PDB file of N, CA and C in Angstrom:
ATOM      1  N   MET A   1      16.515  62.505 214.267  1.00  0.00           N
ATOM      2  CA  MET A   1      15.995  62.600 212.602  1.00  0.00           C
ATOM      3  C   MET A   1      17.259  62.010 211.983  1.00  0.00           C
ATOM      4  N   SER A   2      17.149  61.500 211.062  1.00  0.00           N
ATOM      5  CA  SER A   2      18.750  60.846 210.359  1.00  0.00           C
ATOM      6  C   SER A   2      18.676  61.722 209.293  1.00  0.00           C
ATOM      7  N   ALA A   3      19.792  61.919 208.873  1.00  0.00           N
ATOM      8  CA  ALA A   3      20.464  62.946 207.897  1.00  0.00           C
ATOM      9  C   ALA A   3      19.588  62.644 206.295  1.00  0.00           C
ATOM     10  N   SER A   4      19.049  61.603 206.185  1.00  0.00           N
ATOM     11  CA  SER A   4      18.151  61.368 204.995  1.00  0.00           C
ATOM     12  C   SER A   4      17.050  62.179 204.964  1.00  0.00           C
ATOM     13  N   HIS A   5      16.413  62.274 206.280  1.00  0.00           N
ATOM     14  CA  HIS A   5      15.216  63.072 206.574  1.00  0.00           C
ATOM     15  C   HIS A   5      15.190  64.525 206.527  1.00  0.00           C
ATOM     16  N   ALA A   6      16.507  65.331 206.862  1.00  0.00           N
ATOM     17  CA  ALA A   6      16.550  66.559 206.998  1.00  0.00           C
ATOM     18  C   ALA A   6      15.913  67.427 205.777  1.00  0.00           C
ATOM     19  N   PRO A   7      16.334  66.951 204.368  1.00  0.00           N
ATOM     20  CA  PRO A   7      15.714  67.840 203.534  1.00  0.00           C
ATOM     21  C   PRO A   7      14.334  68.203 203.281  1.00  0.00           C
ATOM     22  N   ALA A   8      13.492  67.012 203.779  1.00  0.00           N
ATOM     23  CA  ALA A   8      12.357  66.770 203.931  1.00  0.00           C
ATOM     24  C   ALA A   8      11.887  67.596 204.913  1.00  0.00           C
ATOM     25  N   LEU A   9      12.080  67.566 205.892  1.00  0.00           N
ATOM     26  CA  LEU A   9      12.026  68.499 207.087  1.00  0.00           C
ATOM     27  C   LEU A   9      12.329  70.000 207.018  1.00  0.00           C
ATOM     28  N   ASP A  10      13.093  70.255 206.263  1.00  0.00           N
ATOM     29  CA  ASP A  10      13.678  71.567 206.008  1.00  0.00           C
ATOM     30  C   ASP A  10      12.684  72.210 204.765  1.00  0.00           C
ATOM     31  N   ALA A  11      11.893  71.120 204.138  1.00  0.00           N
ATOM     32  CA  ALA A  11      11.115  71.598 203.319  1.00  0.00           C
ATOM     33  C   ALA A  11       9.440  71.988 203.976  1.00  0.00           C
ATOM     34  N   ILE A  12       9.468  70.903 204.619  1.00  0.00           N
ATOM     35  CA  ILE A  12       8.180  71.404 205.237  1.00  0.00           C
ATOM     36  C   ILE A  12       8.316  72.765 206.476  1.00  0.00           C
ATOM     37  N   ALA A  13       9.390  72.822 206.846  1.00  0.00           N
ATOM     38  CA  ALA A  13       9.217  74.363 207.634  1.00  0.00           C
ATOM     39  C   ALA A  13       9.668  75.043 206.828  1.00  0.00           C
ATOM     40  N   PHE A  14       9.913  75.164 205.749  1.00  0.00           N
ATOM     41  CA  PHE A  14      10.019  76.457 204.275  1.00  0.00           C
ATOM     42  C   PHE A  14       8.943  76.702 204.333  1.00  0.00           C
ATOM     43  N   GLN A  15       7.978  75.808 203.925  1.00  0.00           N
ATOM     44  CA  GLN A  15       6.324  75.874 203.445  1.00  0.00           C
ATOM     45  C   GLN A  15       5.512  75.969 204.575  1.00  0.00           C
ATOM     46  N   LEU A  16       5.836  75.968 205.632  1.00  0.00           N
ATOM     47  CA  LEU A  16       5.193  76.485 206.801  1.00  0.00           C
ATOM     48  C   LEU A  16       5.223  77.648 207.074  1.00  0.00           C
ATOM     49  N   ALA A  17       6.751  78.280 206.838  1.00  0.00           N
ATOM     50  CA  ALA A  17       6.775  79.659 207.147  1.00  0.00           C
ATOM     51  C   ALA A  17       6.102  80.524 205.968  1.00  0.00           C
ATOM     52  N   ALA A  18       6.098  80.039 204.748  1.00  0.00           N
ATOM     53  CA  ALA A  18       5.738  80.496 204.129  1.00  0.00           C
ATOM     54  C   ALA A  18       4.269  80.521 203.695  1.00  0.00           C
ATOM     55  N   SER A  19       3.245  79.479 204.531  1.00  0.00           N
ATOM     56  CA  SER A  19       2.014  79.563 204.462  1.00  0.00           C
ATOM     57  C   SER A  19       1.568  80.261 205.807  1.00  0.00           C
ATOM     58  N   LEU A  20       2.299  80.614 206.764  1.00  0.00           N
ATOM     59  CA  LEU A  20       1.775  81.482 207.966  1.00  0.00           C
ATOM     60  C   LEU A  20       2.307  82.783 207.019  1.00  0.00           C
ATOM     61  N   GLU A  21       2.774  83.151 206.451  1.00  0.00           N
ATOM     62  CA  GLU A  21       3.094  84.727 205.783  1.00  0.00           C
ATOM     63  C   GLU A  21       1.626  84.887 205.242  1.00  0.00           C
ATOM     64  N   LYS A  22       1.113  83.770 204.412  1.00  0.00           N
ATOM     65  CA  LYS A  22       0.000  83.979 203.652  1.00  0.00           C
ATOM     66  C   LYS A  22      -1.514  84.133 204.367  1.00  0.00           C
ATOM     67  N   TYR A  23      -1.190  83.179 205.262  1.00  0.00           N
ATOM     68  CA  TYR A  23      -2.380  83.129 206.369  1.00  0.00           C
ATOM     69  C   TYR A  23      -2.676  84.639 206.821  1.00  0.00           C
ATOM     70  N   ASP A  24      -1.190  84.536 207.498  1.00  0.00           N
ATOM     71  CA  ASP A  24      -1.352  86.438 208.317  1.00  0.00           C
ATOM     72  C   ASP A  24      -1.776  87.560 207.428  1.00  0.00           C
ATOM     73  N   GLN A  25      -1.319  87.581 206.323  1.00  0.00           N
ATOM     74  CA  GLN A  25      -2.019  88.518 205.382  1.00  0.00           C
ATOM     75  C   GLN A  25      -3.692  88.365 204.969  1.00  0.00           C
ATOM     76  N   ASP A  26      -4.024  87.163 204.803  1.00  0.00           N
ATOM     77  CA  ASP A  26      -5.073  87.134 204.308  1.00  0.00           C
ATOM     78  C   ASP A  26      -6.030  87.305 205.713  1.00  0.00           C
ATOM     79  N   VAL A  27      -5.720  86.728 206.863  1.00  0.00           N
ATOM     80  CA  VAL A  27      -6.232  87.351 208.102  1.00  0.00           C
ATOM     81  C   VAL A  27      -6.361  88.860 208.372  1.00  0.00           C
ATOM     82  N   LEU A  28      -5.806  89.374 208.225  1.00  0.00           N
ATOM     83  CA  LEU A  28      -5.571  90.810 208.290  1.00  0.00           C
ATOM     84  C   LEU A  28      -6.604  91.381 207.007  1.00  0.00           C
ATOM     85  N   ARG A  29      -6.933  90.859 206.025  1.00  0.00           N
ATOM     86  CA  ARG A  29      -8.077  91.057 205.011  1.00  0.00           C
ATOM     87  C   ARG A  29      -9.127  90.908 205.509  1.00  0.00           C
ATOM     88  N   LEU A  30      -9.519  89.438 205.863  1.00  0.00           N
ATOM     89  CA  LEU A  30     -10.621  89.024 206.786  1.00  0.00           C
ATOM     90  C   LEU A  30     -10.963  90.029 207.818  1.00  0.00           C
ATOM     91  N   VAL A  31     -10.129  90.439 208.650  1.00  0.00           N
ATOM     92  CA  VAL A  31     -10.802  91.525 209.807  1.00  0.00           C
ATOM     93  C   VAL A  31     -11.377  92.659 209.314  1.00  0.00           C
ATOM     94  N   ASP A  32     -10.361  93.005 208.144  1.00  0.00           N
ATOM     95  CA  ASP A  32     -11.230  94.443 207.454  1.00  0.00           C
ATOM     96  C   ASP A  32     -12.266  94.214 206.848  1.00  0.00           C
ATOM     97  N   THR A  33     -12.433  93.176 206.213  1.00  0.00           N
ATOM     98  CA  THR A  33     -13.773  92.981 205.335  1.00  0.00           C
ATOM     99  C   THR A  33     -14.646  91.681 205.820  1.00  0.00           C
ATOM    100  N   TRP A  34     -14.549  91.526 206.970  1.00  0.00           N
ATOM    101  CA  TRP A  34     -15.404  90.439 207.927  1.00  0.00           C
ATOM    102  C   TRP A  34     -16.934  90.280 207.251  1.00  0.00           C
ATOM    103  N   LEU A  35     -16.955  89.008 207.143  1.00  0.00           N
ATOM    104  CA  LEU A  35     -18.216  88.508 206.332  1.00  0.00           C
ATOM    105  C   LEU A  35     -17.795  88.265 205.119  1.00  0.00           C
ATOM    106  N   ASP A  36     -16.966  88.327 204.486  1.00  0.00           N
ATOM    107  CA  ASP A  36     -16.549  88.035 203.131  1.00  0.00           C
ATOM    108  C   ASP A  36     -16.275  86.348 203.131  1.00  0.00           C
ATOM    109  N   MET A  37     -17.405  85.525 202.760  1.00  0.00           N
ATOM    110  CA  MET A  37     -17.240  84.435 203.272  1.00  0.00           C
ATOM    111  C   MET A  37     -16.539  83.477 202.209  1.00  0.00           C
ATOM    112  N   GLU A  38     -16.045  84.025 201.338  1.00  0.00           N
ATOM    113  CA  GLU A  38     -14.764  82.992 200.250  1.00  0.00           C
ATOM    114  C   GLU A  38     -13.779  83.452 200.958  1.00  0.00           C
ATOM    115  N   LEU A  39     -13.217  84.628 201.445  1.00  0.00           N
ATOM    116  CA  LEU A  39     -12.003  84.552 202.323  1.00  0.00           C
ATOM    117  C   LEU A  39     -11.863  83.844 203.568  1.00  0.00           C
ATOM    118  N   TYR A  40     -13.155  83.788 204.132  1.00  0.00           N
ATOM    119  CA  TYR A  40     -13.079  83.044 205.130  1.00  0.00           C
ATOM    120  C   TYR A  40     -12.690  81.465 204.452  1.00  0.00           C
ATOM    121  N   ARG A  41     -13.547  81.358 203.892  1.00  0.00           N
ATOM    122  CA  ARG A  41     -13.616  79.618 203.364  1.00  0.00           C
ATOM    123  C   ARG A  41     -11.849  79.394 203.193  1.00  0.00           C
ATOM    124  N   ASP A  42     -11.389  80.340 202.585  1.00  0.00           N
ATOM    125  CA  ASP A  42      -9.903  80.345 202.233  1.00  0.00           C
ATOM    126  C   ASP A  42      -8.919  80.365 203.567  1.00  0.00           C
ATOM    127  N   VAL A  43      -9.371  80.999 204.501  1.00  0.00           N
ATOM    128  CA  VAL A  43      -8.819  81.267 205.561  1.00  0.00           C
ATOM    129  C   VAL A  43      -8.591  80.105 206.103  1.00  0.00           C
ATOM    130  N   SER A  44      -9.751  79.340 206.522  1.00  0.00           N
ATOM    131  CA  SER A  44     -10.393  78.168 206.910  1.00  0.00           C
ATOM    132  C   SER A  44      -9.190  77.052 206.287  1.00  0.00           C
ATOM    133  N   ALA A  45      -9.329  76.921 205.181  1.00  0.00           N
ATOM    134  CA  ALA A  45      -8.525  75.945 204.427  1.00  0.00           C
ATOM    135  C   ALA A  45      -6.947  76.086 204.770  1.00  0.00           C
ATOM    136  N   GLN A  46      -6.621  77.683 204.541  1.00  0.00           N
ATOM    137  CA  GLN A  46      -5.318  77.721 204.987  1.00  0.00           C
ATOM    138  C   GLN A  46      -4.871  77.131 206.727  1.00  0.00           C
ATOM    139  N   VAL A  47      -5.489  77.171 207.535  1.00  0.00           N
ATOM    140  CA  VAL A  47      -5.502  76.613 208.778  1.00  0.00           C
ATOM    141  C   VAL A  47      -5.366  74.999 208.496  1.00  0.00           C
ATOM    142  N   GLU A  48      -5.949  74.422 207.883  1.00  0.00           N
ATOM    143  CA  GLU A  48      -5.753  72.903 207.884  1.00  0.00           C
ATOM    144  C   GLU A  48      -4.442  72.822 207.351  1.00  0.00           C
ATOM    145  N   VAL A  49      -3.736  73.657 206.127  1.00  0.00           N
ATOM    146  CA  VAL A  49      -2.630  73.329 205.403  1.00  0.00           C
ATOM    147  C   VAL A  49      -1.542  73.634 206.500  1.00  0.00           C
ATOM    148  N   ILE A  50      -1.886  74.309 207.357  1.00  0.00           N
ATOM    149  CA  ILE A  50      -0.812  74.929 208.493  1.00  0.00           C
ATOM    150  C   ILE A  50      -0.920  73.498 209.133  1.00  0.00           C
ATOM    151  N   ARG A  51      -1.818  73.044 210.039  1.00  0.00           N
ATOM    152  CA  ARG A  51      -2.184  71.761 210.727  1.00  0.00           C
ATOM    153  C   ARG A  51      -1.667  70.697 210.315  1.00  0.00           C
ATOM    154  N   GLY A  52      -1.479  70.522 209.042  1.00  0.00           N
ATOM    155  CA  GLY A  52      -0.759  69.373 208.496  1.00  0.00           C
ATOM    156  C   GLY A  52       0.787  69.520 208.428  1.00  0.00           C
ATOM    157  N   LEU A  53       1.050  70.879 208.298  1.00  0.00           N
ATOM    158  CA  LEU A  53       2.663  71.092 208.007  1.00  0.00           C
ATOM    159  C   LEU A  53       3.307  70.874 209.414  1.00  0.00           C
ATOM    160  N   CYS A  54       2.761  71.235 210.421  1.00  0.00           N
ATOM    161  CA  CYS A  54       2.997  71.365 211.940  1.00  0.00           C
ATOM    162  C   CYS A  54       2.901  69.850 212.677  1.00  0.00           C
ATOM    163  N   GLY A  55       2.067  69.049 211.654  1.00  0.00           N
ATOM    164  CA  GLY A  55       2.331  67.675 211.976  1.00  0.00           C
ATOM    165  C   GLY A  55       3.337  67.035 211.599  1.00  0.00           C
ATOM    166  N   GLY A  56       4.087  67.537 210.650  1.00  0.00           N
ATOM    167  CA  GLY A  56       5.588  66.827 210.086  1.00  0.00           C
ATOM    168  C   GLY A  56       6.651  67.746 210.683  1.00  0.00           C
ATOM    169  N   LEU A  57       6.371  68.723 211.934  1.00  0.00           N
ATOM    170  CA  LEU A  57       7.163  69.138 212.988  1.00  0.00           C
ATOM    171  C   LEU A  57       7.006  69.136 214.022  1.00  0.00           C
ATOM    172  N   PRO A  58       7.082  68.178 214.500  1.00  0.00           N
ATOM    173  CA  PRO A  58       6.985  67.742 216.374  1.00  0.00           C
ATOM    174  C   PRO A  58       7.019  69.219 217.155  1.00  0.00           C
ATOM    175  N   SER A  59       8.471  69.587 216.627  1.00  0.00           N
ATOM    176  CA  SER A  59       8.732  70.855 217.566  1.00  0.00           C
ATOM    177  C   SER A  59       7.594  72.204 217.776  1.00  0.00           C
ATOM    178  N   THR A  60       6.843  71.979 216.522  1.00  0.00           N
ATOM    179  CA  THR A  60       6.008  72.823 216.217  1.00  0.00           C
ATOM    180  C   THR A  60       4.552  72.986 217.238  1.00  0.00           C
ATOM    181  N   THR A  61       4.375  71.643 217.715  1.00  0.00           N
ATOM    182  CA  THR A  61       3.320  71.312 218.308  1.00  0.00           C
ATOM    183  C   THR A  61       2.349  72.266 219.257  1.00  0.00           C
ATOM    184  N   VAL A  62       2.771  72.854 220.183  1.00  0.00           N
ATOM    185  CA  VAL A  62       2.444  73.693 221.164  1.00  0.00           C
ATOM    186  C   VAL A  62       2.412  74.842 220.524  1.00  0.00           C
ATOM    187  N   TYR A  63       3.258  75.537 219.576  1.00  0.00           N
ATOM    188  CA  TYR A  63       3.046  76.896 218.687  1.00  0.00           C
ATOM    189  C   TYR A  63       1.442  76.728 218.032  1.00  0.00           C
ATOM    190  N   TRP A  64       1.250  75.531 217.376  1.00  0.00           N
ATOM    191  CA  TRP A  64       0.204  75.294 216.702  1.00  0.00           C
ATOM    192  C   TRP A  64      -0.887  75.244 217.317  1.00  0.00           C
ATOM    193  N   ILE A  65      -1.043  74.721 218.450  1.00  0.00           N
ATOM    194  CA  ILE A  65      -2.119  74.699 219.398  1.00  0.00           C
ATOM    195  C   ILE A  65      -2.426  76.001 219.867  1.00  0.00           C
ATOM    196  N   GLU A  66      -1.345  76.910 220.559  1.00  0.00           N
ATOM    197  CA  GLU A  66      -1.775  78.090 220.639  1.00  0.00           C
ATOM    198  C   GLU A  66      -2.214  78.867 219.333  1.00  0.00           C
ATOM    199  N   LEU A  67      -1.864  78.746 218.339  1.00  0.00           N
ATOM    200  CA  LEU A  67      -2.018  79.672 217.013  1.00  0.00           C
ATOM    201  C   LEU A  67      -3.776  79.106 216.946  1.00  0.00           C
ATOM    202  N   LEU A  68      -4.193  77.734 216.863  1.00  0.00           N
ATOM    203  CA  LEU A  68      -5.706  77.475 216.632  1.00  0.00           C
ATOM    204  C   LEU A  68      -6.354  78.156 217.786  1.00  0.00           C
ATOM    205  N   ILE A  69      -5.937  78.260 218.910  1.00  0.00           N
ATOM    206  CA  ILE A  69      -6.724  78.719 220.109  1.00  0.00           C
ATOM    207  C   ILE A  69      -6.894  80.158 219.516  1.00  0.00           C
ATOM    208  N   ALA A  70      -6.186  80.696 219.039  1.00  0.00           N
ATOM    209  CA  ALA A  70      -5.887  82.134 219.096  1.00  0.00           C
ATOM    210  C   ALA A  70      -7.140  82.622 217.830  1.00  0.00           C
ATOM    211  N   HIS A  71      -6.953  81.603 216.773  1.00  0.00           N
ATOM    212  CA  HIS A  71      -7.283  81.753 215.312  1.00  0.00           C
ATOM    213  C   HIS A  71      -9.079  81.454 215.879  1.00  0.00           C
ATOM    214  N   THR A  72      -9.279  80.307 216.749  1.00  0.00           N
ATOM    215  CA  THR A  72     -10.796  80.415 217.049  1.00  0.00           C
ATOM    216  C   THR A  72     -11.404  82.031 218.072  1.00  0.00           C
ATOM    217  N   GLU A  73     -10.601  82.050 218.770  1.00  0.00           N
ATOM    218  CA  GLU A  73     -10.962  83.514 219.776  1.00  0.00           C
ATOM    219  C   GLU A  73     -11.224  84.860 218.753  1.00  0.00           C
ATOM    220  N   LEU A  74     -10.328  85.090 217.643  1.00  0.00           N
ATOM    221  CA  LEU A  74     -10.425  85.795 216.729  1.00  0.00           C
ATOM    222  C   LEU A  74     -11.335  85.668 216.018  1.00  0.00           C
ATOM    223  N   ILE A  75     -12.024  84.727 215.259  1.00  0.00           N
ATOM    224  CA  ILE A  75     -13.395  84.145 214.732  1.00  0.00           C
ATOM    225  C   ILE A  75     -14.448  84.467 215.584  1.00  0.00           C
ATOM    226  N   HIS A  76     -14.390  84.069 216.937  1.00  0.00           N
ATOM    227  CA  HIS A  76     -15.275  84.289 217.639  1.00  0.00           C
ATOM    228  C   HIS A  76     -15.701  85.965 217.912  1.00  0.00           C
ATOM    229  N   ALA A  77     -14.398  86.740 217.894  1.00  0.00           N
ATOM    230  CA  ALA A  77     -14.574  88.060 218.376  1.00  0.00           C
ATOM    231  C   ALA A  77     -15.162  88.501 217.066  1.00  0.00           C
ATOM    232  N   LEU A  78     -14.465  88.193 216.177  1.00  0.00           N
ATOM    233  CA  LEU A  78     -15.309  88.733 214.832  1.00  0.00           C
ATOM    234  C   LEU A  78     -16.818  88.779 214.430  1.00  0.00           C
ATOM    235  N   TRP A  79     -17.068  87.488 215.039  1.00  0.00           N
ATOM    236  CA  TRP A  79     -18.916  87.377 215.136  1.00  0.00           C
ATOM    237  C   TRP A  79     -19.142  88.081 215.995  1.00  0.00           C
ATOM    238  N   ARG A  80     -18.588  88.491 217.300  1.00  0.00           N
ATOM    239  CA  ARG A  80     -19.650  88.885 217.950  1.00  0.00           C
ATOM    240  C   ARG A  80     -19.556  90.330 217.926  1.00  0.00           C
ATOM    241  N   LYS A  81     -18.643  90.632 217.106  1.00  0.00           N
ATOM    242  CA  LYS A  81     -18.576  92.313 216.964  1.00  0.00           C
ATOM    243  C   LYS A  81     -19.772  92.681 215.768  1.00  0.00           C
ATOM    244  N   GLU A  82     -19.786  91.636 214.686  1.00  0.00           N
ATOM    245  CA  GLU A  82     -20.656  91.834 213.836  1.00  0.00           C
ATOM    246  C   GLU A  82     -22.463  91.660 214.383  1.00  0.00           C
ATOM    247  N   THR A  83     -22.568  90.830 215.423  1.00  0.00           N
ATOM    248  CA  THR A  83     -23.990  90.474 215.550  1.00  0.00           C
ATOM    249  C   THR A  83     -24.097  91.118 217.156  1.00  0.00           C
ATOM    250  N   VAL A  84     -23.236  91.667 217.989  1.00  0.00           N
ATOM    251  CA  VAL A  84     -23.820  92.340 219.140  1.00  0.00           C
ATOM    252  C   VAL A  84     -22.947  93.464 219.396  1.00  0.00           C
ATOM    253  N   GLY A  85     -21.760  93.712 218.691  1.00  0.00           N
ATOM    254  CA  GLY A  85     -21.424  94.943 218.502  1.00  0.00           C
ATOM    255  C   GLY A  85     -20.244  95.057 219.647  1.00  0.00           C
ATOM    256  N   ALA A  86     -19.866  93.788 219.991  1.00  0.00           N
ATOM    257  CA  ALA A  86     -18.637  93.526 220.797  1.00  0.00           C
ATOM    258  C   ALA A  86     -17.257  94.162 220.793  1.00  0.00           C
ATOM    259  N   ASP A  87     -17.098  95.100 220.254  1.00  0.00           N
ATOM    260  CA  ASP A  87     -15.572  96.081 219.603  1.00  0.00           C
ATOM    261  C   ASP A  87     -14.628  95.402 220.337  1.00  0.00           C
ATOM    262  N   ARG A  88     -14.809  95.821 222.006  1.00  0.00           N
ATOM    263  CA  ARG A  88     -13.618  95.505 223.084  1.00  0.00           C
ATOM    264  C   ARG A  88     -12.887  94.457 222.610  1.00  0.00           C
ATOM    265  N   GLU A  89     -13.615  93.370 222.366  1.00  0.00           N
ATOM    266  CA  GLU A  89     -13.073  91.841 222.055  1.00  0.00           C
ATOM    267  C   GLU A  89     -11.910  91.726 220.829  1.00  0.00           C
ATOM    268  N   LEU A  90     -12.005  92.404 220.158  1.00  0.00           N
ATOM    269  CA  LEU A  90     -11.732  92.204 219.120  1.00  0.00           C
ATOM    270  C   LEU A  90     -10.252  92.791 218.697  1.00  0.00           C
ATOM    271  N   GLY A  91      -9.865  93.972 219.417  1.00  0.00           N
ATOM    272  CA  GLY A  91      -8.438  94.416 219.561  1.00  0.00           C
ATOM    273  C   GLY A  91      -7.322  93.304 220.315  1.00  0.00           C
ATOM    274  N   PRO A  92      -7.677  92.721 221.598  1.00  0.00           N
ATOM    275  CA  PRO A  92      -7.073  92.081 222.084  1.00  0.00           C
ATOM    276  C   PRO A  92      -6.982  90.331 221.363  1.00  0.00           C
ATOM    277  N   ALA A  93      -7.862  90.158 220.932  1.00  0.00           N
ATOM    278  CA  ALA A  93      -8.157  88.694 220.158  1.00  0.00           C
ATOM    279  C   ALA A  93      -6.885  88.784 219.150  1.00  0.00           C
ATOM    280  N   HIS A  94      -7.366  89.939 218.121  1.00  0.00           N
ATOM    281  CA  HIS A  94      -6.290  89.944 216.914  1.00  0.00           C
ATOM    282  C   HIS A  94      -4.810  90.180 217.300  1.00  0.00           C
ATOM    283  N   GLY A  95      -4.556  90.969 218.671  1.00  0.00           N
ATOM    284  CA  GLY A  95      -3.056  90.945 218.855  1.00  0.00           C
ATOM    285  C   GLY A  95      -2.472  89.687 219.524  1.00  0.00           C
ATOM    286  N   ARG A  96      -3.238  88.946 219.916  1.00  0.00           N
ATOM    287  CA  ARG A  96      -2.879  87.792 220.445  1.00  0.00           C
ATOM    288  C   ARG A  96      -2.619  86.501 218.880  1.00  0.00           C
ATOM    289  N   HIS A  97      -3.858  86.839 218.280  1.00  0.00           N
ATOM    290  CA  HIS A  97      -3.523  85.890 217.042  1.00  0.00           C
ATOM    291  C   HIS A  97      -1.935  86.415 216.490  1.00  0.00           C
ATOM    292  N   THR A  98      -1.753  87.618 216.108  1.00  0.00           N
ATOM    293  CA  THR A  98      -0.565  88.102 215.611  1.00  0.00           C
ATOM    294  C   THR A  98       0.553  87.599 215.881  1.00  0.00           C
ATOM    295  N   ARG A  99       0.429  87.619 217.650  1.00  0.00           N
ATOM    296  CA  ARG A  99       1.584  86.909 218.252  1.00  0.00           C
ATOM    297  C   ARG A  99       2.039  85.770 217.930  1.00  0.00           C
ATOM    298  N   CYS A 100       0.773  84.633 218.013  1.00  0.00           N
ATOM    299  CA  CYS A 100       0.631  83.568 217.943  1.00  0.00           C
ATOM    300  C   CYS A 100       1.140  82.944 216.549  1.00  0.00           C
ATOM    301  N   VAL A 101       0.960  83.937 215.407  1.00  0.00           N
ATOM    302  CA  VAL A 101       1.547  83.402 214.179  1.00  0.00           C
ATOM    303  C   VAL A 101       2.951  83.746 214.071  1.00  0.00           C
ATOM    304  N   ALA A 102       3.677  84.663 214.551  1.00  0.00           N
ATOM    305  CA  ALA A 102       4.946  85.011 214.784  1.00  0.00           C
ATOM    306  C   ALA A 102       5.552  84.133 215.314  1.00  0.00           C
ATOM    307  N   THR A 103       4.974  83.671 216.440  1.00  0.00           N
ATOM    308  CA  THR A 103       5.912  82.816 217.219  1.00  0.00           C
ATOM    309  C   THR A 103       6.056  81.302 216.262  1.00  0.00           C
ATOM    310  N   LEU A 104       4.717  81.046 215.780  1.00  0.00           N
ATOM    311  CA  LEU A 104       5.044  79.970 214.677  1.00  0.00           C
ATOM    312  C   LEU A 104       5.929  79.862 213.688  1.00  0.00           C
ATOM    313  N   ARG A 105       5.522  80.662 213.098  1.00  0.00           N
ATOM    314  CA  ARG A 105       6.522  81.408 212.289  1.00  0.00           C
ATOM    315  C   ARG A 105       7.959  81.483 212.923  1.00  0.00           C
ATOM    316  N   ALA A 106       8.549  81.881 213.702  1.00  0.00           N
ATOM    317  CA  ALA A 106       9.982  82.153 214.009  1.00  0.00           C
ATOM    318  C   ALA A 106      10.374  80.548 214.454  1.00  0.00           C
ATOM    319  N   ALA A 107       9.891  79.621 214.916  1.00  0.00           N
ATOM    320  CA  ALA A 107       9.737  78.062 215.438  1.00  0.00           C
ATOM    321  C   ALA A 107       9.986  77.523 214.023  1.00  0.00           C
ATOM    322  N   ALA A 108       9.425  77.819 213.210  1.00  0.00           N
ATOM    323  CA  ALA A 108       9.527  77.214 211.827  1.00  0.00           C
ATOM    324  C   ALA A 108      11.011  77.587 211.184  1.00  0.00           C
ATOM    325  N   LEU A 109      11.464  78.791 211.453  1.00  0.00           N
ATOM    326  CA  LEU A 109      12.546  79.517 210.946  1.00  0.00           C
ATOM    327  C   LEU A 109      13.944  78.962 211.693  1.00  0.00           C
ATOM    328  N   ARG A 110      13.596  78.963 213.067  1.00  0.00           N
ATOM    329  CA  ARG A 110      14.547  78.138 213.814  1.00  0.00           C
ATOM    330  C   ARG A 110      14.831  76.575 213.319  1.00  0.00           C
ATOM    331  N   TYR A 111      13.680  76.178 213.016  1.00  0.00           N
ATOM    332  CA  TYR A 111      14.103  74.702 212.936  1.00  0.00           C
ATOM    333  C   TYR A 111      14.966  74.506 211.341  1.00  0.00           C
ATOM    334  N   LEU A 112      14.958  75.590 210.621  1.00  0.00           N
ATOM    335  CA  LEU A 112      15.473  75.682 209.225  1.00  0.00           C
ATOM    336  C   LEU A 112      17.102  76.028 209.702  1.00  0.00           C
ATOM    337  N   MET A 113      17.345  76.525 210.774  1.00  0.00           N
ATOM    338  CA  MET A 113      18.533  77.526 211.147  1.00  0.00           C
ATOM    339  C   MET A 113      19.492  76.555 212.294  1.00  0.00           C
ATOM    340  N   ARG A 114      18.535  75.706 212.550  1.00  0.00           N
ATOM    341  CA  ARG A 114      19.386  74.430 213.462  1.00  0.00           C
ATOM    342  C   ARG A 114      20.747  74.449 213.483  1.00  0.00           C
ATOM    343  N   ASN A 115      21.369  74.334 214.321  1.00  0.00           N
ATOM    344  CA  ASN A 115      22.885  73.869 214.349  1.00  0.00           C
ATOM    345  C   ASN A 115      23.712  74.973 213.641  1.00  0.00           C
ATOM    346  N   ASP A 116      23.172  76.125 213.520  1.00  0.00           N
ATOM    347  CA  ASP A 116      23.778  76.771 212.596  1.00  0.00           C
ATOM    348  C   ASP A 116      24.035  76.704 211.207  1.00  0.00           C
ATOM    349  N   LYS A 117      23.148  76.010 210.665  1.00  0.00           N
ATOM    350  CA  LYS A 117      23.341  75.723 209.635  1.00  0.00           C
ATOM    351  C   LYS A 117      22.718  76.681 208.870  1.00  0.00           C
ATOM    352  N   THR A 118      23.332  76.676 207.465  1.00  0.00           N
ATOM    353  CA  THR A 118      22.820  77.987 206.333  1.00  0.00           C
ATOM    354  C   THR A 118      21.831  77.110 205.414  1.00  0.00           C
ATOM    355  N   VAL A 119      20.400  77.753 205.669  1.00  0.00           N
ATOM    356  CA  VAL A 119      19.735  76.891 204.389  1.00  0.00           C
ATOM    357  C   VAL A 119      20.077  77.827 202.721  1.00  0.00           C
ATOM    358  N   LYS A 120      20.433  76.943 202.221  1.00  0.00           N
ATOM    359  CA  LYS A 120      20.636  77.631 200.706  1.00  0.00           C
ATOM    360  C   LYS A 120      19.345  77.176 199.883  1.00  0.00           C
ATOM    361  N   ILE A 121      18.432  78.410 199.699  1.00  0.00           N
ATOM    362  CA  ILE A 121      17.015  78.410 198.935  1.00  0.00           C
ATOM    363  C   ILE A 121      17.402  78.197 197.704  1.00  0.00           C
ATOM    364  N   LEU A 122      18.236  79.216 197.202  1.00  0.00           N
ATOM    365  CA  LEU A 122      18.519  79.637 195.521  1.00  0.00           C
ATOM    366  C   LEU A 122      19.593  78.267 194.940  1.00  0.00           C
ATOM    367  N   GLY A 123      19.945  77.545 195.608  1.00  0.00           N
ATOM    368  CA  GLY A 123      20.769  76.620 195.269  1.00  0.00           C
ATOM    369  C   GLY A 123      22.551  76.953 195.993  1.00  0.00           C
ATOM    370  N   PRO A 124      23.406  76.242 195.437  1.00  0.00           N
ATOM    371  CA  PRO A 124      24.715  76.458 195.736  1.00  0.00           C
ATOM    372  C   PRO A 124      25.079  78.083 195.238  1.00  0.00           C
ATOM    373  N   GLN A 125      26.061  78.488 196.231  1.00  0.00           N
ATOM    374  CA  GLN A 125      26.334  79.830 196.049  1.00  0.00           C
ATOM    375  C   GLN A 125      27.879  79.865 195.541  1.00  0.00           C
ATOM    376  N   LYS A 126      28.130  80.476 194.743  1.00  0.00           N
ATOM    377  CA  LYS A 126      29.650  80.670 193.840  1.00  0.00           C
ATOM    378  C   LYS A 126      30.554  81.835 194.624  1.00  0.00           C
TER     379      LYS A 126
END
C-alpha cells in the first residue's frame, strides 16, 4: 500500500467498523421482532454494504466470509423457528453470528491501528 492510499483505506476501515455496529444492533432487533420484513430488507442491504467495504480491505476477506455464513445460518434458524418451532438452533446460530461480527469489527479496528499509528478522527490535537 502506498502512503497515498492510506487515508482512503483508513476511511474504509472506519466505515466498516461503523457499519458493523449498526448492523449488529439491527440484527438484535431483527431477532427480537422476527418477520419484520422492512427491517429484514434493511439488514440485507447492510450486508451488501459490508461486503463492498470488505472488498476494499483484502485483510478482512476471511472474516467477511465467516460473517456471511453466520448471517445465512442465523436467518435460516429464524425461519425454522417460525415455521417448525426449531428453537434450539437459534441460540447457537445467534452466538456464532455475534462472534463473527465482533471478529470482523476487531479486524477493521486493527487495520486502523496498524503500526501503532493513532487515528485522529476529530482532527489535530492541541
